[in-house]
Amino acid sequence: MTAIRVLIVDDHTLFRDGLRAILTSVADMDVVGEAGTGREAVTQAESLTPDIVLLDINMPELNGIEATQ
């Protein structure tokens, strides 16, 4: 079975760490990357092509809504 590729995007490192810990404990989930800003999120999403992006709305540089566009 192919794991679901997840990109975690949040400007709070502690939150990303906790979410990564939870997701890596799930057999069908593979955290392929993390980003702390909207700009990083766009770059990571383009290069890593995740299946799912867990994206914070309030972030520096580009907010989550802008990054989604």
C-alpha atoms as a PDB file:
ATOM      1  CA  MET A   1       0.000   0.000   0.000  1.00  0.00           C
ATOM      2  CA  THR A   2       1.285   3.468  -0.883  1.00  0.00           C
ATOM      3  CA  ALA A   3       1.595   5.908   1.997  1.00  0.00           C
ATOM      4  CA  ILE A   4      -0.132   9.285   1.894  1.00  0.00           C
ATOM      5  CA  ARG A   5       2.525  11.978   1.378  1.00  0.00           C
ATOM      6  CA  VAL A   6       1.972  14.938   3.733  1.00  0.00           C
ATOM      7  CA  LEU A   7       3.521  18.420   3.826  1.00  0.00           C
ATOM      8  CA  ILE A   8       3.159  20.250   7.165  1.00  0.00           C
ATOM      9  CA  VAL A   9       3.099  24.054   7.024  1.00  0.00           C
ATOM     10  CA  ASP A  10       2.955  26.182  10.177  1.00  0.00           C
ATOM     11  CA  ASP A  11       5.088  29.021  11.499  1.00  0.00           C
ATOM     12  CA  HIS A  12       5.231  27.454  14.973  1.00  0.00           C
ATOM     13  CA  THR A  13       7.981  24.849  15.179  1.00  0.00           C
ATOM     14  CA  LEU A  14       6.548  23.190  18.274  1.00  0.00           C
ATOM     15  CA  PHE A  15       3.202  22.633  16.531  1.00  0.00           C
ATOM     16  CA  ARG A  16       4.948  21.160  13.448  1.00  0.00           C
ATOM     17  CA  ASP A  17       6.978  18.864  15.700  1.00  0.00           C
ATOM     18  CA  GLY A  18       3.860  17.597  17.473  1.00  0.00           C
ATOM     19  CA  LEU A  19       1.924  17.086  14.267  1.00  0.00           C
ATOM     20  CA  ARG A  20       4.873  15.257  12.689  1.00  0.00           C
ATOM     21  CA  ALA A  21       5.093  12.965  15.736  1.00  0.00           C
ATOM     22  CA  ILE A  22       1.417  12.092  15.449  1.00  0.00           C
ATOM     23  CA  LEU A  23       1.469  11.558  11.689  1.00  0.00           C
ATOM     24  CA  THR A  24       4.621   9.451  11.643  1.00  0.00           C
ATOM     25  CA  SER A  25       2.981   7.079  14.113  1.00  0.00           C
ATOM     26  CA  VAL A  26       0.313   6.296  11.487  1.00  0.00           C
ATOM     27  CA  ALA A  27       1.382   3.477   9.162  1.00  0.00           C
ATOM     28  CA  ASP A  28      -0.123   4.961   5.990  1.00  0.00           C
ATOM     29  CA  MET A  29       1.288   8.491   6.458  1.00  0.00           C
ATOM     30  CA  ASP A  30       4.648   9.792   5.264  1.00  0.00           C
ATOM     31  CA  VAL A  31       5.648  13.342   6.228  1.00  0.00           C
ATOM     32  CA  VAL A  32       7.674  14.395   3.190  1.00  0.00           C
ATOM     33  CA  GLY A  33       8.402  17.967   4.250  1.00  0.00           C
ATOM     34  CA  GLU A  34       7.788  20.926   6.513  1.00  0.00           C
ATOM     35  CA  ALA A  35       7.667  24.669   5.985  1.00  0.00           C
ATOM     36  CA  GLY A  36       7.407  27.670   8.280  1.00  0.00           C
ATOM     37  CA  THR A  37       6.215  30.335   5.838  1.00  0.00           C
ATOM     38  CA  GLY A  38       3.794  30.559   2.951  1.00  0.00           C
ATOM     39  CA  ARG A  39       6.626  31.059   0.462  1.00  0.00           C
ATOM     40  CA  GLU A  40       8.410  27.962   1.754  1.00  0.00           C
ATOM     41  CA  ALA A  41       5.121  26.072   1.471  1.00  0.00           C
ATOM     42  CA  VAL A  42       4.768  26.911  -2.215  1.00  0.00           C
ATOM     43  CA  THR A  43       8.374  25.894  -2.951  1.00  0.00           C
ATOM     44  CA  GLN A  44       8.074  22.648  -0.960  1.00  0.00           C
ATOM     45  CA  ALA A  45       4.721  21.744  -2.538  1.00  0.00           C
ATOM     46  CA  GLU A  46       6.113  22.250  -6.044  1.00  0.00           C
ATOM     47  CA  SER A  47       9.224  20.161  -5.430  1.00  0.00           C
ATOM     48  CA  LEU A  48       7.800  17.416  -3.183  1.00  0.00           C
ATOM     49  CA  THR A  49       4.337  17.005  -4.776  1.00  0.00           C
ATOM     50  CA  PRO A  50       2.603  15.879  -1.564  1.00  0.00           C
ATOM     51  CA  ASP A  51      -0.835  14.281  -1.581  1.00  0.00           C
ATOM     52  CA  ILE A  52      -1.983  16.520   1.297  1.00  0.00           C
ATOM     53  CA  VAL A  53      -0.783  19.889   2.585  1.00  0.00           C
ATOM     54  CA  LEU A  54      -1.727  20.726   6.179  1.00  0.00           C
ATOM     55  CA  LEU A  55      -1.529  24.508   5.970  1.00  0.00           C
ATOM     56  CA  ASP A  56      -1.829  27.165   8.667  1.00  0.00           C
ATOM     57  CA  ILE A  57      -3.869  30.231   7.677  1.00  0.00           C
ATOM     58  CA  ASN A  58      -1.906  32.875   9.648  1.00  0.00           C
ATOM     59  CA  MET A  59       1.737  32.831   8.578  1.00  0.00           C
ATOM     60  CA  PRO A  60       4.430  35.333   7.605  1.00  0.00           C
ATOM     61  CA  GLU A  61       5.304  36.276   4.003  1.00  0.00           C
ATOM     62  CA  LEU A  62       2.266  34.596   2.391  1.00  0.00           C
ATOM     63  CA  ASN A  63      -0.671  33.549   4.507  1.00  0.00           C
ATOM     64  CA  GLY A  64      -2.232  30.136   4.014  1.00  0.00           C
ATOM     65  CA  ILE A  65      -4.986  31.397   1.710  1.00  0.00           C
ATOM     66  CA  GLU A  66      -2.502  33.240  -0.530  1.00  0.00           C
ATOM     67  CA  ALA A  67      -0.180  30.234  -0.619  1.00  0.00           C
ATOM     68  CA  THR A  68      -3.048  27.991  -1.679  1.00  0.00           C
ATOM     69  CA  GLN A  69      -3.770  30.179  -4.676  1.00  0.00           C
END
